[in-house]
Amino acid sequence: MENWKIVNRNTGATYFLNEKEKANFFIKNKLQNYNEINLTKVRAKRRNKMLDVVAHLCIIGASILATLIYIQNY
């Protein structure tokens, strides 16, 4: 189930809704100007960025460790 953040561009009012609530919300409020943000996708992107950072740090750490082992055995 996806979560949504709905912001009214005129008043700045913010609503946090799930899929069912969003459908009912826009049946009632279809004339106003709203900005829709899919929070589920935003969270997934943030999590993927953190995992990328961890992967890069692991690669850097492994290369440093390999260099130290090579120097010690030389």
N, C-alpha and C. Protein backbone atom coordinates (compact mmCIF):
# COMPACT_ATOMS: atom_id res chain seq x y z
N MET A 1 0.85 -1.17 0.00
CA MET A 1 0.00 0.00 0.00
C MET A 1 0.90 1.23 0.00
N GLU A 2 0.61 2.14 -0.90
CA GLU A 2 1.41 3.35 -1.03
C GLU A 2 0.88 4.46 -0.13
N ASN A 3 1.79 5.27 0.35
CA ASN A 3 1.44 6.44 1.16
C ASN A 3 1.70 7.69 0.34
N TRP A 4 0.85 8.69 0.51
CA TRP A 4 0.92 9.91 -0.26
C TRP A 4 0.94 11.12 0.65
N LYS A 5 1.64 12.16 0.21
CA LYS A 5 1.61 13.46 0.86
C LYS A 5 0.95 14.41 -0.13
N ILE A 6 -0.18 14.98 0.25
CA ILE A 6 -0.93 15.88 -0.60
C ILE A 6 -0.81 17.28 -0.01
N VAL A 7 -0.34 18.25 -0.83
CA VAL A 7 -0.18 19.62 -0.37
C VAL A 7 -1.04 20.53 -1.24
N ASN A 8 -1.88 21.32 -0.59
CA ASN A 8 -2.69 22.30 -1.30
C ASN A 8 -1.79 23.48 -1.64
N ARG A 9 -1.66 23.77 -2.94
CA ARG A 9 -0.75 24.83 -3.37
C ARG A 9 -1.25 26.22 -2.99
N ASN A 10 -2.54 26.37 -2.81
CA ASN A 10 -3.09 27.68 -2.46
C ASN A 10 -2.93 28.00 -0.98
N THR A 11 -3.27 27.05 -0.12
CA THR A 11 -3.26 27.30 1.32
C THR A 11 -2.05 26.71 2.04
N GLY A 12 -1.38 25.74 1.42
CA GLY A 12 -0.24 25.10 2.07
C GLY A 12 -0.63 23.99 3.02
N ALA A 13 -1.90 23.62 3.05
CA ALA A 13 -2.36 22.54 3.93
C ALA A 13 -1.77 21.21 3.45
N THR A 14 -1.32 20.40 4.41
CA THR A 14 -0.68 19.12 4.10
C THR A 14 -1.53 17.98 4.64
N TYR A 15 -1.70 16.93 3.81
CA TYR A 15 -2.45 15.74 4.19
C TYR A 15 -1.58 14.52 3.90
N PHE A 16 -1.54 13.59 4.85
CA PHE A 16 -0.85 12.32 4.66
C PHE A 16 -1.91 11.24 4.53
N LEU A 17 -1.97 10.60 3.35
CA LEU A 17 -3.06 9.67 3.04
C LEU A 17 -2.51 8.38 2.44
N ASN A 18 -3.29 7.30 2.58
CA ASN A 18 -2.97 6.08 1.87
C ASN A 18 -3.77 6.06 0.57
N GLU A 19 -3.70 4.96 -0.19
CA GLU A 19 -4.33 4.92 -1.51
C GLU A 19 -5.84 5.11 -1.45
N LYS A 20 -6.50 4.43 -0.52
CA LYS A 20 -7.96 4.52 -0.44
C LYS A 20 -8.40 5.93 -0.03
N GLU A 21 -7.70 6.49 0.97
CA GLU A 21 -8.05 7.83 1.42
C GLU A 21 -7.80 8.86 0.33
N LYS A 22 -6.75 8.65 -0.47
CA LYS A 22 -6.44 9.57 -1.57
C LYS A 22 -7.55 9.56 -2.61
N ALA A 23 -8.03 8.38 -2.94
CA ALA A 23 -9.12 8.29 -3.93
C ALA A 23 -10.36 9.03 -3.44
N ASN A 24 -10.73 8.82 -2.20
CA ASN A 24 -11.89 9.51 -1.64
C ASN A 24 -11.64 11.01 -1.51
N PHE A 25 -10.42 11.39 -1.21
CA PHE A 25 -10.09 12.80 -1.04
C PHE A 25 -10.29 13.56 -2.35
N PHE A 26 -9.84 12.97 -3.47
CA PHE A 26 -9.94 13.67 -4.74
C PHE A 26 -11.34 13.60 -5.34
N ILE A 27 -12.17 12.69 -4.86
CA ILE A 27 -13.58 12.72 -5.27
C ILE A 27 -14.24 13.97 -4.69
N LYS A 28 -13.89 14.29 -3.44
CA LYS A 28 -14.48 15.45 -2.77
C LYS A 28 -13.80 16.77 -3.16
N ASN A 29 -12.51 16.74 -3.40
CA ASN A 29 -11.73 17.98 -3.60
C ASN A 29 -11.04 18.00 -4.96
N LYS A 30 -11.77 17.93 -6.02
CA LYS A 30 -11.14 17.86 -7.34
C LYS A 30 -10.94 19.23 -7.99
N LEU A 31 -11.48 20.28 -7.47
CA LEU A 31 -11.38 21.59 -8.11
C LEU A 31 -10.14 22.36 -7.71
N GLN A 32 -9.55 22.06 -6.57
CA GLN A 32 -8.40 22.83 -6.09
C GLN A 32 -7.10 22.29 -6.66
N ASN A 33 -6.04 23.06 -6.51
CA ASN A 33 -4.73 22.74 -7.05
C ASN A 33 -3.89 22.05 -5.98
N TYR A 34 -3.53 20.78 -6.20
CA TYR A 34 -2.79 20.00 -5.21
C TYR A 34 -1.49 19.49 -5.79
N ASN A 35 -0.49 19.36 -4.94
CA ASN A 35 0.79 18.74 -5.28
C ASN A 35 0.81 17.37 -4.62
N GLU A 36 1.01 16.32 -5.42
CA GLU A 36 1.00 14.95 -4.90
C GLU A 36 2.42 14.40 -4.86
N ILE A 37 2.81 13.85 -3.70
CA ILE A 37 4.13 13.26 -3.53
C ILE A 37 3.94 11.83 -3.03
N ASN A 38 4.51 10.86 -3.76
CA ASN A 38 4.43 9.46 -3.36
C ASN A 38 5.53 9.19 -2.33
N LEU A 39 5.15 9.08 -1.07
CA LEU A 39 6.13 8.89 0.01
C LEU A 39 6.80 7.52 -0.05
N THR A 40 6.11 6.53 -0.58
CA THR A 40 6.69 5.19 -0.68
C THR A 40 7.90 5.21 -1.61
N LYS A 41 7.79 5.89 -2.74
CA LYS A 41 8.91 5.98 -3.68
C LYS A 41 10.03 6.85 -3.14
N VAL A 42 9.68 7.90 -2.42
CA VAL A 42 10.70 8.77 -1.83
C VAL A 42 11.51 8.00 -0.80
N ARG A 43 10.85 7.21 0.02
CA ARG A 43 11.56 6.41 1.03
C ARG A 43 12.45 5.37 0.37
N ALA A 44 11.97 4.75 -0.72
CA ALA A 44 12.77 3.75 -1.42
C ALA A 44 14.02 4.38 -2.03
N LYS A 45 13.89 5.56 -2.61
CA LYS A 45 15.05 6.25 -3.17
C LYS A 45 16.07 6.59 -2.09
N ARG A 46 15.58 7.07 -0.93
CA ARG A 46 16.47 7.42 0.17
C ARG A 46 17.21 6.18 0.67
N ARG A 47 16.50 5.06 0.82
CA ARG A 47 17.11 3.82 1.28
C ARG A 47 18.15 3.33 0.27
N ASN A 48 17.86 3.42 -1.03
CA ASN A 48 18.81 3.00 -2.05
C ASN A 48 20.07 3.86 -2.05
N LYS A 49 19.91 5.16 -1.81
CA LYS A 49 21.08 6.04 -1.73
C LYS A 49 21.96 5.65 -0.55
N MET A 50 21.35 5.33 0.60
CA MET A 50 22.13 4.93 1.77
C MET A 50 22.86 3.62 1.50
N LEU A 51 22.20 2.69 0.82
CA LEU A 51 22.85 1.41 0.50
C LEU A 51 24.00 1.62 -0.47
N ASP A 52 23.86 2.55 -1.41
CA ASP A 52 24.97 2.86 -2.31
C ASP A 52 26.17 3.40 -1.55
N VAL A 53 25.93 4.26 -0.58
CA VAL A 53 27.03 4.82 0.22
C VAL A 53 27.72 3.71 1.00
N VAL A 54 26.94 2.81 1.59
CA VAL A 54 27.52 1.69 2.34
C VAL A 54 28.34 0.80 1.42
N ALA A 55 27.85 0.53 0.22
CA ALA A 55 28.59 -0.31 -0.72
C ALA A 55 29.91 0.35 -1.12
N HIS A 56 29.89 1.65 -1.38
CA HIS A 56 31.12 2.34 -1.73
C HIS A 56 32.12 2.34 -0.57
N LEU A 57 31.63 2.53 0.64
CA LEU A 57 32.53 2.50 1.79
C LEU A 57 33.13 1.11 1.99
N CYS A 58 32.35 0.08 1.72
CA CYS A 58 32.89 -1.30 1.83
C CYS A 58 33.97 -1.55 0.79
N ILE A 59 33.77 -1.04 -0.42
CA ILE A 59 34.78 -1.21 -1.47
C ILE A 59 36.06 -0.47 -1.10
N ILE A 60 35.92 0.74 -0.59
CA ILE A 60 37.10 1.52 -0.18
C ILE A 60 37.81 0.82 0.98
N GLY A 61 37.05 0.34 1.95
CA GLY A 61 37.64 -0.37 3.08
C GLY A 61 38.35 -1.65 2.66
N ALA A 62 37.76 -2.38 1.73
CA ALA A 62 38.38 -3.62 1.25
C ALA A 62 39.67 -3.31 0.50
N SER A 63 39.69 -2.25 -0.28
CA SER A 63 40.91 -1.92 -1.02
C SER A 63 42.02 -1.47 -0.07
N ILE A 64 41.67 -0.72 0.97
CA ILE A 64 42.67 -0.32 1.97
C ILE A 64 43.20 -1.53 2.71
N LEU A 65 42.31 -2.44 3.09
CA LEU A 65 42.74 -3.66 3.78
C LEU A 65 43.63 -4.51 2.89
N ALA A 66 43.28 -4.65 1.62
CA ALA A 66 44.10 -5.43 0.70
C ALA A 66 45.48 -4.79 0.54
N THR A 67 45.53 -3.47 0.48
CA THR A 67 46.82 -2.77 0.36
C THR A 67 47.67 -3.00 1.60
N LEU A 68 47.06 -2.92 2.76
CA LEU A 68 47.82 -3.16 4.01
C LEU A 68 48.33 -4.59 4.10
N ILE A 69 47.53 -5.55 3.69
CA ILE A 69 47.98 -6.95 3.71
C ILE A 69 49.11 -7.15 2.72
N TYR A 70 49.01 -6.54 1.56
CA TYR A 70 50.07 -6.66 0.55
C TYR A 70 51.38 -6.05 1.06
N ILE A 71 51.28 -4.86 1.71
CA ILE A 71 52.48 -4.22 2.24
C ILE A 71 53.09 -5.06 3.36
N GLN A 72 52.26 -5.65 4.20
CA GLN A 72 52.76 -6.45 5.32
C GLN A 72 53.46 -7.71 4.82
N ASN A 73 52.95 -8.32 3.77
CA ASN A 73 53.55 -9.56 3.26
C ASN A 73 54.74 -9.30 2.33
N TYR A 74 54.96 -8.10 1.89
CA TYR A 74 56.04 -7.79 0.98
C TYR A 74 57.30 -7.69 1.75
